[in-house]
C-alpha cells in the first residue's frame, strides 16, 4: 500500500468537487482508516476552496444496523462546507457521481455557543450540550461521493470525500429555548420524509439530544472543535437510497402536541450531465 499523502488526496477531491469530475479509486486507496480520512479532512479545511466550514455531519450512527453493516465501531464525523448548504425549495446540483445518491431526513442543530476541543470534558453532561443549542431544525442531506466505484473504494475512502456529503437543505423549527423540556422528547416519530410524494420509512429509533451529545464528544475525541453558529446534522432519522435525477424530496416536521406546527424542507435533484 502506498504511503498516504493527505494533501494530495485533498487536492484531488477538491478538484473533482469543483469540476464535476471523478476521484479515481487508486487516488484514495491509501486511506485505510477513519483516522486517515480525518487527516484528509484537516487538509481540506486548511484550504477551503468550497467555502469555509459551517458545521459538522455525523454518519453511520445506528449501532444496531449501520455499525454492523459497515464493520465500524463508532460513527464518523465530517466537515460541512458553505458550498454544500442550500435553501429549501431549491434544485440541487446534479448528482455527478457514479454512485446513486441517498436522501436522508435528519435532525439539525445550530449551536449558540462554542464547545472547543481544548476545553473538552470527557464527562461532559447532556445538559451542557443542550444549553449550547440555539436552534433546532430539520434537514435533508443528499449523501453521495465523487470517488468512482470499484475494488478498493470502500466506505472509509468515501468518508475522506467530506463524509459523502453532497448537499444539505436546512430549515429551522424554532429556538431551542422555545421547546423547553420538549427538546428531550424530539424523536423519529415527529419527522416524515417523502420522495415524489410517496412516504419513506420506517424511521430509525433515535433520541436526537442523545445523538447530538454523542456527536460532540466524538468530534472532541478526534481533535475537532464546535464553534458558535455551527450547523450539526446528527445522522439519518429516515433514508432512501437510489435517488435519481428529477426526484423531489420533502421532509416534514409536525409537533406531536400542536399539529398546526408544521415545518417542511424540500428540494429537487437536478439532471446529471452525460459523462
Protein backbone atom coordinates (compact mmCIF):
# COMPACT_ATOMS: atom_id res chain seq x y z
CA UNK A 1 0.00 0.00 0.00
CA UNK A 2 1.50 3.40 -1.00
CA UNK A 3 2.23 6.00 1.67
CA UNK A 4 -0.72 8.33 2.15
CA UNK A 5 -0.26 11.93 1.02
CA UNK A 6 -3.30 13.56 2.65
CA UNK A 7 -2.68 16.93 0.97
CA UNK A 8 -2.55 15.37 -2.50
CA UNK A 9 -5.76 13.42 -1.87
CA UNK A 10 -7.46 16.58 -0.59
CA UNK A 11 -6.46 18.44 -3.79
CA UNK A 12 -7.93 15.69 -5.97
CA UNK A 13 -11.19 15.70 -4.01
CA UNK A 14 -11.43 19.48 -4.22
CA UNK A 15 -10.79 19.45 -7.99
CA UNK A 16 -13.41 16.76 -8.54
CA UNK A 17 -15.96 18.65 -6.46
CA UNK A 18 -15.35 21.92 -8.30
CA UNK A 19 -15.15 20.48 -11.82
CA UNK A 20 -17.77 17.75 -11.61
CA UNK A 21 -15.23 15.03 -12.31
CA UNK A 22 -14.10 11.84 -10.59
CA UNK A 23 -11.62 10.81 -7.97
CA UNK A 24 -10.17 7.51 -9.14
CA UNK A 25 -10.02 4.58 -6.75
CA UNK A 26 -6.22 4.42 -6.82
CA UNK A 27 -6.03 8.06 -5.72
CA UNK A 28 -7.81 7.33 -2.43
CA UNK A 29 -6.60 3.75 -1.91
CA UNK A 30 -4.04 4.84 0.74
CA UNK A 31 -6.94 5.91 3.00
CA UNK A 32 -7.33 2.80 5.16
CA UNK A 33 -8.95 4.02 8.36
CA UNK A 34 -11.13 6.76 9.81
CA UNK A 35 -8.01 8.46 11.15
CA UNK A 36 -6.62 8.54 7.60
CA UNK A 37 -9.89 10.08 6.40
CA UNK A 38 -9.68 12.71 9.16
CA UNK A 39 -6.13 13.58 8.03
CA UNK A 40 -7.61 14.33 4.60
CA UNK A 41 -10.37 16.40 6.22
CA UNK A 42 -7.78 18.52 8.02
CA UNK A 43 -6.11 19.23 4.68
CA UNK A 44 -9.46 20.11 3.11
CA UNK A 45 -10.12 22.54 5.98
CA UNK A 46 -6.66 24.11 5.61
CA UNK A 47 -7.52 25.19 2.05
CA UNK A 48 -11.30 25.62 1.93
CA UNK A 49 -11.94 26.03 -1.81
CA UNK A 50 -15.57 25.01 -1.23
CA UNK A 51 -16.16 27.84 1.20
CA UNK A 52 -15.48 28.00 4.92
CA UNK A 53 -16.56 25.23 7.24
CA UNK A 54 -20.04 25.97 8.60
CA UNK A 55 -20.68 22.85 10.65
CA UNK A 56 -20.32 19.10 11.01
CA UNK A 57 -22.12 15.96 9.99
CA UNK A 58 -22.17 12.64 11.82
CA UNK A 59 -22.76 9.47 9.84
CA UNK A 60 -23.34 5.75 10.42
CA UNK A 61 -24.86 6.45 13.81
CA UNK A 62 -27.05 3.37 14.28
CA UNK A 63 -25.14 0.75 16.31
CA UNK A 64 -27.74 -1.94 15.67
CA UNK A 65 -27.74 -1.59 11.91
CA UNK A 66 -25.16 0.60 10.21
CA UNK A 67 -22.25 -0.28 12.51
CA UNK A 68 -22.62 -3.96 11.71
CA UNK A 69 -23.30 -3.40 8.02
CA UNK A 70 -20.14 -1.34 7.53
CA UNK A 71 -17.94 -3.08 10.09
CA UNK A 72 -17.41 0.09 12.12
CA UNK A 73 -17.04 0.56 15.86
CA UNK A 74 -18.18 4.20 16.03
CA UNK A 75 -19.89 6.84 13.87
CA UNK A 76 -17.80 9.10 11.67
CA UNK A 77 -17.65 12.90 11.55
CA UNK A 78 -17.01 15.19 8.59
CA UNK A 79 -16.97 18.94 7.94
CA UNK A 80 -19.88 20.72 6.29
CA UNK A 81 -18.73 23.45 3.92
CA UNK A 82 -20.63 26.58 2.93
CA UNK A 83 -20.99 25.45 -0.69
CA UNK A 84 -22.93 22.36 0.44
CA UNK A 85 -25.75 24.33 2.12
CA UNK A 86 -28.87 25.04 0.05
CA UNK A 87 -32.21 26.75 0.66
CA UNK A 88 -35.47 24.86 0.87
CA UNK A 89 -37.26 24.59 -2.48
CA UNK A 90 -34.03 24.60 -4.48
CA UNK A 91 -32.93 22.44 -7.38
CA UNK A 92 -29.70 20.80 -6.30
CA UNK A 93 -26.57 20.47 -8.35
CA UNK A 94 -26.66 17.32 -10.49
CA UNK A 95 -25.54 14.06 -8.93
CA UNK A 96 -22.33 13.97 -10.96
CA UNK A 97 -21.25 10.69 -9.49
CA UNK A 98 -21.28 7.02 -10.40
CA UNK A 99 -22.96 6.00 -7.15
CA UNK A 100 -26.66 6.62 -6.75
CA UNK A 101 -27.44 9.30 -4.22
CA UNK A 102 -29.08 8.69 -0.87
CA UNK A 103 -31.66 11.10 0.57
CA UNK A 104 -31.61 11.36 4.36
CA UNK A 105 -34.04 13.16 6.64
CA UNK A 106 -32.19 14.45 9.69
CA UNK A 107 -32.44 16.50 12.86
CA UNK A 108 -30.26 19.59 12.68
CA UNK A 109 -28.92 21.94 15.34
CA UNK A 110 -27.48 25.47 15.24
CA UNK A 111 -25.07 25.92 18.12
CA UNK A 112 -25.40 29.12 20.13
CA UNK A 113 -22.06 28.80 21.87
CA UNK A 114 -18.70 27.25 21.13
CA UNK A 115 -17.63 23.95 22.60
CA UNK A 116 -13.90 23.99 21.80
CA UNK A 117 -11.88 20.82 21.78
CA UNK A 118 -9.22 22.30 24.05
CA UNK A 119 -11.83 22.72 26.80
CA UNK A 120 -13.38 19.31 26.21
CA UNK A 121 -14.60 17.49 29.27
CA UNK A 122 -14.68 13.69 28.77
CA UNK A 123 -17.58 13.54 31.20
CA UNK A 124 -19.45 16.47 29.58
CA UNK A 125 -23.11 16.10 30.64
CA UNK A 126 -26.02 16.19 28.24
CA UNK A 127 -27.26 19.38 29.95
CA UNK A 128 -24.13 21.26 28.85
CA UNK A 129 -24.82 20.33 25.24
CA UNK A 130 -28.50 21.30 25.48
CA UNK A 131 -27.58 24.74 26.81
CA UNK A 132 -25.26 25.28 23.85
CA UNK A 133 -28.04 24.74 21.26
CA UNK A 134 -29.56 27.92 19.79
CA UNK A 135 -31.93 26.48 17.17
CA UNK A 136 -33.42 23.11 16.25
CA UNK A 137 -34.41 22.27 12.71
CA UNK A 138 -34.89 19.58 10.11
CA UNK A 139 -32.65 18.91 7.15
CA UNK A 140 -32.32 16.87 4.00
CA UNK A 141 -28.85 15.55 3.33
CA UNK A 142 -28.05 14.18 -0.09
CA UNK A 143 -25.24 11.71 0.53
CA UNK A 144 -23.02 10.89 -2.44
CA UNK A 145 -19.31 10.65 -3.22
CA UNK A 146 -17.23 11.71 -6.20
CA UNK A 147 -14.98 8.67 -5.62
CA UNK A 148 -15.53 6.34 -8.56
CA UNK A 149 -16.90 2.88 -7.83
CA UNK A 150 -14.51 -0.02 -7.97
CA UNK A 151 -12.46 -2.52 -5.96
CA UNK A 152 -10.77 -0.68 -3.10
CA UNK A 153 -13.38 2.10 -2.93
CA UNK A 154 -14.91 1.25 0.43
CA UNK A 155 -16.62 3.42 2.99
CA UNK A 156 -13.51 4.96 4.59
CA UNK A 157 -12.20 6.04 1.18
CA UNK A 158 -15.51 7.80 0.50
CA UNK A 159 -15.62 9.31 4.01
CA UNK A 160 -12.42 11.13 3.06
CA UNK A 161 -14.58 12.92 0.47
CA UNK A 162 -16.31 15.18 3.05
CA UNK A 163 -18.11 12.21 4.61
CA UNK A 164 -20.08 11.63 1.37
CA UNK A 165 -21.98 14.90 1.82
CA UNK A 166 -23.26 16.28 -1.49
CA UNK A 167 -25.79 18.85 -0.25
CA UNK A 168 -27.69 19.87 2.89
CA UNK A 169 -31.04 21.65 2.79
CA UNK A 170 -31.88 23.04 6.24
CA UNK A 171 -34.83 24.84 7.79
CA UNK A 172 -35.10 25.78 11.49
CA UNK A 173 -38.12 24.73 13.53
CA UNK A 174 -37.66 27.14 16.42
CA UNK A 175 -35.24 28.42 19.00
CA UNK A 176 -34.16 25.65 21.33
CA UNK A 177 -35.46 27.60 24.34
CA UNK A 178 -38.96 27.63 22.84
CA UNK A 179 -39.04 23.86 23.08
CA UNK A 180 -38.15 23.79 26.76
CA UNK A 181 -38.26 20.26 28.07
CA UNK A 182 -39.66 19.10 24.73
CA UNK A 183 -36.10 19.20 23.34
CA UNK A 184 -35.56 15.90 25.14
CA UNK A 185 -38.63 14.42 23.51
CA UNK A 186 -37.86 15.11 19.86
CA UNK A 187 -37.65 11.75 18.16
CA UNK A 188 -38.16 9.91 14.90
CA UNK A 189 -41.97 9.86 15.07
CA UNK A 190 -42.08 13.63 14.56
CA UNK A 191 -40.36 13.52 11.14
CA UNK A 192 -41.67 12.15 7.84
CA UNK A 193 -39.79 12.03 4.52
CA UNK A 194 -41.29 11.51 1.08
CA UNK A 195 -39.84 11.05 -2.40
CA UNK A 196 -42.06 12.29 -5.23
CA UNK A 197 -44.97 12.36 -2.79
CA UNK A 198 -44.54 8.77 -1.58
CA UNK A 199 -43.72 8.40 2.15
CA UNK A 200 -40.42 6.74 3.02
CA UNK A 201 -39.80 4.74 6.17
CA UNK A 202 -39.68 3.34 8.71
CA UNK A 203 -37.71 5.86 10.75
CA UNK A 204 -34.75 4.85 12.88
CA UNK A 205 -35.32 4.92 16.63
CA UNK A 206 -33.11 7.83 17.66
CA UNK A 207 -33.11 10.27 20.56
CA UNK A 208 -31.95 13.48 18.94
CA UNK A 209 -30.43 15.07 22.07
CA UNK A 210 -28.51 11.91 22.90
CA UNK A 211 -27.25 11.80 19.30
CA UNK A 212 -26.06 15.41 19.49
CA UNK A 213 -24.32 14.75 22.79
CA UNK A 214 -22.53 11.75 21.30
CA UNK A 215 -21.65 13.73 18.16
CA UNK A 216 -19.91 16.50 20.10
CA UNK A 217 -18.00 14.06 22.27
CA UNK A 218 -16.94 12.23 19.12
CA UNK A 219 -15.76 15.48 17.49
CA UNK A 220 -13.73 16.34 20.59
CA UNK A 221 -12.18 12.86 20.71
CA UNK A 222 -10.72 13.43 17.24
CA UNK A 223 -9.46 16.95 17.94
CA UNK A 224 -12.28 18.89 16.25
CA UNK A 225 -13.99 21.89 17.88
CA UNK A 226 -17.58 23.13 17.71
CA UNK A 227 -17.90 26.86 17.02
CA UNK A 228 -20.74 29.26 17.73
CA UNK A 229 -23.10 29.18 14.75
CA UNK A 230 -22.12 25.68 13.62
CA UNK A 231 -24.81 23.57 11.95
CA UNK A 232 -24.64 19.97 13.16
CA UNK A 233 -26.60 17.18 11.50
CA UNK A 234 -26.53 14.02 13.53
CA UNK A 235 -27.31 11.16 11.20
CA UNK A 236 -30.33 9.88 9.33
CA UNK A 237 -33.68 9.61 11.03
CA UNK A 238 -35.01 8.16 7.78
CA UNK A 239 -33.23 7.48 4.50
CA UNK A 240 -33.89 6.34 0.94
CA UNK A 241 -31.12 5.06 -1.35
CA UNK A 242 -31.40 5.03 -5.11
CA UNK A 243 -32.10 8.74 -5.56
CA UNK A 244 -32.43 9.77 -9.21
CA UNK A 245 -32.22 13.00 -11.17
CA UNK A 246 -35.57 14.75 -11.13
CA UNK A 247 -36.63 13.28 -7.78
CA UNK A 248 -38.43 15.63 -5.40
CA UNK A 249 -37.53 15.14 -1.73
CA UNK A 250 -39.51 16.50 1.20
CA UNK A 251 -39.03 16.22 4.97
CA UNK A 252 -41.83 17.41 7.26
CA UNK A 253 -41.72 18.03 11.00
CA UNK A 254 -45.05 18.05 12.83
CA UNK A 255 -45.15 18.86 16.52
CA UNK A 256 -46.87 15.94 18.30
CA UNK A 257 -48.92 18.18 20.62
CA UNK A 258 -49.69 21.04 18.24
CA UNK A 259 -50.48 19.55 14.81
CA UNK A 260 -50.68 23.01 13.24
CA UNK A 261 -46.94 23.42 13.88
CA UNK A 262 -45.58 22.04 10.62
CA UNK A 263 -42.16 22.78 9.10
CA UNK A 264 -41.27 21.41 5.66
CA UNK A 265 -37.92 21.39 3.87
CA UNK A 266 -37.74 20.29 0.24
CA UNK A 267 -35.53 20.07 -2.82
CA UNK A 268 -35.33 18.59 -6.31
CA UNK A 269 -32.33 16.77 -7.77
CA UNK A 270 -31.02 18.30 -10.99
CA UNK A 271 -30.34 16.38 -14.18
CA UNK A 272 -26.85 14.92 -14.38
CA UNK A 273 -24.67 15.73 -17.40
CA UNK A 274 -23.66 12.93 -19.75
CA UNK A 275 -20.15 11.75 -18.91
